[in-house]
Each structure stands twice: as C-alpha cells, then as structure tokens.
C-alpha cells in the first residue's frame, strides 16, 4: 500500500516509514524528515522510559517520532484543526500519546517535568520568553527548532549544549543546569 502523496512519514522507531494518515493542517509547519532524523540522532534513538513534551504539536510529528522510539509523550496544541489531525494520526498508527488542547505556556505549570522537551514554535515568535516559561519543566534536555538566521537565546536554568543548522532550520539543544 502506498503512502498518501505528500504526507510525512515517521523516520525511526517501531513505526518507521509509516505515513501520517490525516492531512497536515495549514497552520502547521511540519519538521522535515532530515531535521527529525538529526534531532533524534542528537538526543537519542531509544527513548524508553522517558517522558517527552511536544510543546507546539502542530502536525504531531515530533511527538509521534518520540512515541515510536518508546517515549511516554504529551503533545500540546492550541489549533483545534491540528488537534483533530494529531488525534486522527494517533488512532491510525495505534499510538498512545496524550493530547492536550490549549496554550502550552498557560498549561505548562500543571504538566509536570519532562526528560525531553521539544519546542518548535512559529518562527515569527521570539523563542526567549517561550523557553523561559518552559525551562522549569525540563528535567533533562530541551530542543528548540528555530530559524537558522537567528541565534538561540540564553535561558536561565538551561545550558546551551550544541547548535546545528540544516538549511533554513537550526536545532539548539539545551540541558538542565546541575542543581
């Protein structure tokens, strides 16, 4: 059976090469396969036992990639169309992710702490205040996907570990400061 034309496929884990079933909403900017592969090469391919937050769910790809690699995942998205698409993809893949509809910046204090926080906000937003709000939820690492033409901001409580560019996209990996 061939994948629906133009639908992203998962790049690793138990659901590798499986396509998304639902259309990606126009409000989302799906992370490319190349960047997703790079991200999970940086943070690890095997996420068993880890709790992961996909803070700006969009198409749900980052959360689904983490789930496919064994993580317990919470996806937060505020666009109702995107939430519906994420839920449809979860059902089609037989995945088990928690989807929370709402603004992650308002919800984060009640979500707990995470081993890995994935942050892919709209590029037009300043990531500094977003990361400052999310930093208390980071028990391990935070990955920011951002426009490669901008530098990742400093964040209290987090240390910038590395940054790598992929065309117009860059990944910045932060780690929680040691207490």
Protein backbone atom coordinates (compact mmCIF):
# COMPACT_ATOMS: atom_id res chain seq x y z
CA UNK A 1 0.00 0.00 0.00
CA UNK A 2 1.48 3.36 -0.94
CA UNK A 3 1.51 6.39 1.32
CA UNK A 4 -0.80 9.29 0.61
CA UNK A 5 1.05 11.72 -1.65
CA UNK A 6 2.90 14.43 0.24
CA UNK A 7 2.18 13.08 3.72
CA UNK A 8 5.19 12.92 6.05
CA UNK A 9 6.48 9.55 7.23
CA UNK A 10 7.95 8.69 10.59
CA UNK A 11 11.73 8.35 10.39
CA UNK A 12 12.54 5.90 13.17
CA UNK A 13 11.44 3.51 15.87
CA UNK A 14 8.70 0.91 15.76
CA UNK A 15 6.54 2.95 13.33
CA UNK A 16 9.40 3.82 10.97
CA UNK A 17 8.29 4.63 7.40
CA UNK A 18 4.62 4.80 8.39
CA UNK A 19 2.90 7.89 6.92
CA UNK A 20 0.59 10.28 8.69
CA UNK A 21 -3.00 9.40 7.86
CA UNK A 22 -4.50 12.87 8.29
CA UNK A 23 -3.71 15.96 6.26
CA UNK A 24 -1.25 18.32 7.91
CA UNK A 25 -3.23 21.44 8.84
CA UNK A 26 -2.23 24.64 7.05
CA UNK A 27 -1.49 26.19 10.46
CA UNK A 28 1.38 23.72 10.96
CA UNK A 29 4.91 23.80 9.58
CA UNK A 30 5.92 20.13 9.75
CA UNK A 31 9.53 19.44 10.65
CA UNK A 32 11.31 17.90 7.67
CA UNK A 33 12.41 14.26 7.76
CA UNK A 34 16.07 15.35 7.60
CA UNK A 35 15.70 17.60 10.66
CA UNK A 36 13.69 14.98 12.59
CA UNK A 37 16.38 12.37 11.91
CA UNK A 38 19.06 14.83 13.05
CA UNK A 39 17.12 15.74 16.18
CA UNK A 40 16.81 12.13 17.33
CA UNK A 41 20.44 11.46 16.44
CA UNK A 42 21.32 14.30 18.83
CA UNK A 43 19.06 13.27 21.74
CA UNK A 44 18.96 9.51 21.22
CA UNK A 45 17.08 6.99 19.15
CA UNK A 46 15.88 4.95 22.13
CA UNK A 47 13.63 6.88 24.49
CA UNK A 48 12.14 4.02 26.52
CA UNK A 49 11.15 5.17 29.98
CA UNK A 50 11.47 8.85 29.09
CA UNK A 51 8.71 11.40 29.45
CA UNK A 52 8.58 13.78 26.44
CA UNK A 53 6.67 17.01 25.87
CA UNK A 54 5.94 18.14 22.30
CA UNK A 55 5.19 21.73 23.29
CA UNK A 56 3.87 23.08 19.96
CA UNK A 57 2.25 19.98 18.47
CA UNK A 58 1.45 21.32 15.00
CA UNK A 59 1.30 18.17 12.86
CA UNK A 60 2.26 16.00 15.84
CA UNK A 61 5.31 14.65 14.06
CA UNK A 62 7.85 15.24 16.82
CA UNK A 63 5.62 13.65 19.44
CA UNK A 64 4.87 10.68 17.19
CA UNK A 65 8.59 10.25 16.45
CA UNK A 66 9.32 10.20 20.20
CA UNK A 67 6.48 7.71 20.81
CA UNK A 68 7.79 5.48 18.00
CA UNK A 69 11.11 5.44 19.86
CA UNK A 70 9.50 4.29 23.11
CA UNK A 71 8.75 7.52 25.00
CA UNK A 72 5.69 8.44 27.01
CA UNK A 73 4.53 11.58 25.17
CA UNK A 74 2.35 14.59 25.91
CA UNK A 75 1.51 16.76 22.88
CA UNK A 76 0.13 20.25 23.43
CA UNK A 77 -1.51 22.17 20.57
CA UNK A 78 -3.97 25.05 20.58
CA UNK A 79 -5.33 24.94 16.99
CA UNK A 80 -8.47 22.71 17.07
CA UNK A 81 -7.87 21.54 13.46
CA UNK A 82 -4.34 20.49 14.32
CA UNK A 83 -5.55 18.72 17.49
CA UNK A 84 -8.08 16.78 15.40
CA UNK A 85 -5.38 15.81 12.87
CA UNK A 86 -2.97 14.72 15.62
CA UNK A 87 -5.70 12.57 17.21
CA UNK A 88 -6.55 11.04 13.82
CA UNK A 89 -2.88 10.18 13.25
CA UNK A 90 -2.60 8.66 16.72
CA UNK A 91 -5.63 6.43 16.01
CA UNK A 92 -4.32 5.43 12.55
CA UNK A 93 -0.91 4.50 13.95
CA UNK A 94 -2.30 2.75 17.02
CA UNK A 95 -0.19 5.12 19.09
CA UNK A 96 -0.67 6.10 22.70
CA UNK A 97 0.08 9.78 23.25
CA UNK A 98 -1.71 12.24 25.49
CA UNK A 99 -3.01 15.21 23.50
CA UNK A 100 -3.81 18.39 25.40
CA UNK A 101 -5.72 21.13 23.59
CA UNK A 102 -4.62 24.57 24.70
CA UNK A 103 -1.78 27.04 25.01
CA UNK A 104 1.32 25.27 26.34
CA UNK A 105 2.57 28.44 28.04
CA UNK A 106 -0.60 28.57 30.16
CA UNK A 107 -0.68 24.81 30.76
CA UNK A 108 2.98 24.01 31.46
CA UNK A 109 2.94 24.51 35.24
CA UNK A 110 0.38 21.70 35.58
CA UNK A 111 2.04 19.27 33.18
CA UNK A 112 4.95 18.25 35.42
CA UNK A 113 8.57 17.71 34.42
CA UNK A 114 9.92 16.01 31.32
CA UNK A 115 13.12 14.23 30.36
CA UNK A 116 12.90 15.84 26.93
CA UNK A 117 11.00 18.94 25.81
CA UNK A 118 10.60 19.50 22.06
CA UNK A 119 9.88 23.12 21.11
CA UNK A 120 9.01 24.10 17.54
CA UNK A 121 7.10 27.38 17.83
CA UNK A 122 6.16 29.55 14.85
CA UNK A 123 9.40 31.18 13.66
CA UNK A 124 7.79 34.63 13.94
CA UNK A 125 7.61 34.28 17.73
CA UNK A 126 10.53 35.26 19.96
CA UNK A 127 11.68 31.95 21.48
CA UNK A 128 13.27 33.61 24.54
CA UNK A 129 10.08 34.09 26.60
CA UNK A 130 8.77 30.69 25.44
CA UNK A 131 11.88 28.87 26.63
CA UNK A 132 11.93 30.82 29.91
CA UNK A 133 8.37 29.66 30.60
CA UNK A 134 9.16 26.03 29.66
CA UNK A 135 12.54 25.80 31.46
CA UNK A 136 11.08 24.69 34.85
CA UNK A 137 9.53 21.66 33.11
CA UNK A 138 12.91 20.44 31.79
CA UNK A 139 14.41 17.61 33.83
CA UNK A 140 16.89 16.62 31.11
CA UNK A 141 17.06 18.29 27.71
CA UNK A 142 15.15 20.80 25.62
CA UNK A 143 15.43 21.02 21.83
CA UNK A 144 14.46 24.25 20.09
CA UNK A 145 13.80 24.17 16.35
CA UNK A 146 14.26 27.70 15.03
CA UNK A 147 15.09 29.81 12.01
CA UNK A 148 18.76 29.27 11.20
CA UNK A 149 19.27 33.01 10.67
CA UNK A 150 18.73 33.68 14.39
CA UNK A 151 20.79 32.69 17.40
CA UNK A 152 19.23 30.59 20.18
CA UNK A 153 18.57 32.73 23.25
CA UNK A 154 20.18 32.23 26.65
CA UNK A 155 17.74 30.67 29.13
CA UNK A 156 18.00 30.76 32.92
CA UNK A 157 18.22 27.21 34.26
CA UNK A 158 19.31 25.75 30.92
CA UNK A 159 22.74 25.48 29.30
CA UNK A 160 23.08 25.59 25.50
CA UNK A 161 24.84 22.33 24.73
CA UNK A 162 25.02 22.47 20.92
CA UNK A 163 23.50 24.00 17.81
CA UNK A 164 23.41 22.67 14.27
CA UNK A 165 21.90 24.11 11.09
CA UNK A 166 20.03 22.32 8.33
CA UNK A 167 19.33 24.79 5.53
CA UNK A 168 16.90 27.41 6.87
CA UNK A 169 16.29 25.43 10.07
CA UNK A 170 18.52 25.03 13.13
CA UNK A 171 18.33 22.84 16.21
CA UNK A 172 19.54 24.11 19.56
CA UNK A 173 19.93 21.51 22.32
CA UNK A 174 19.82 22.78 25.88
CA UNK A 175 20.33 20.73 29.02
CA UNK A 176 19.08 21.42 32.51
CA UNK A 177 21.69 23.02 34.76
CA UNK A 178 23.00 20.85 37.55
CA UNK A 179 21.47 21.90 40.89
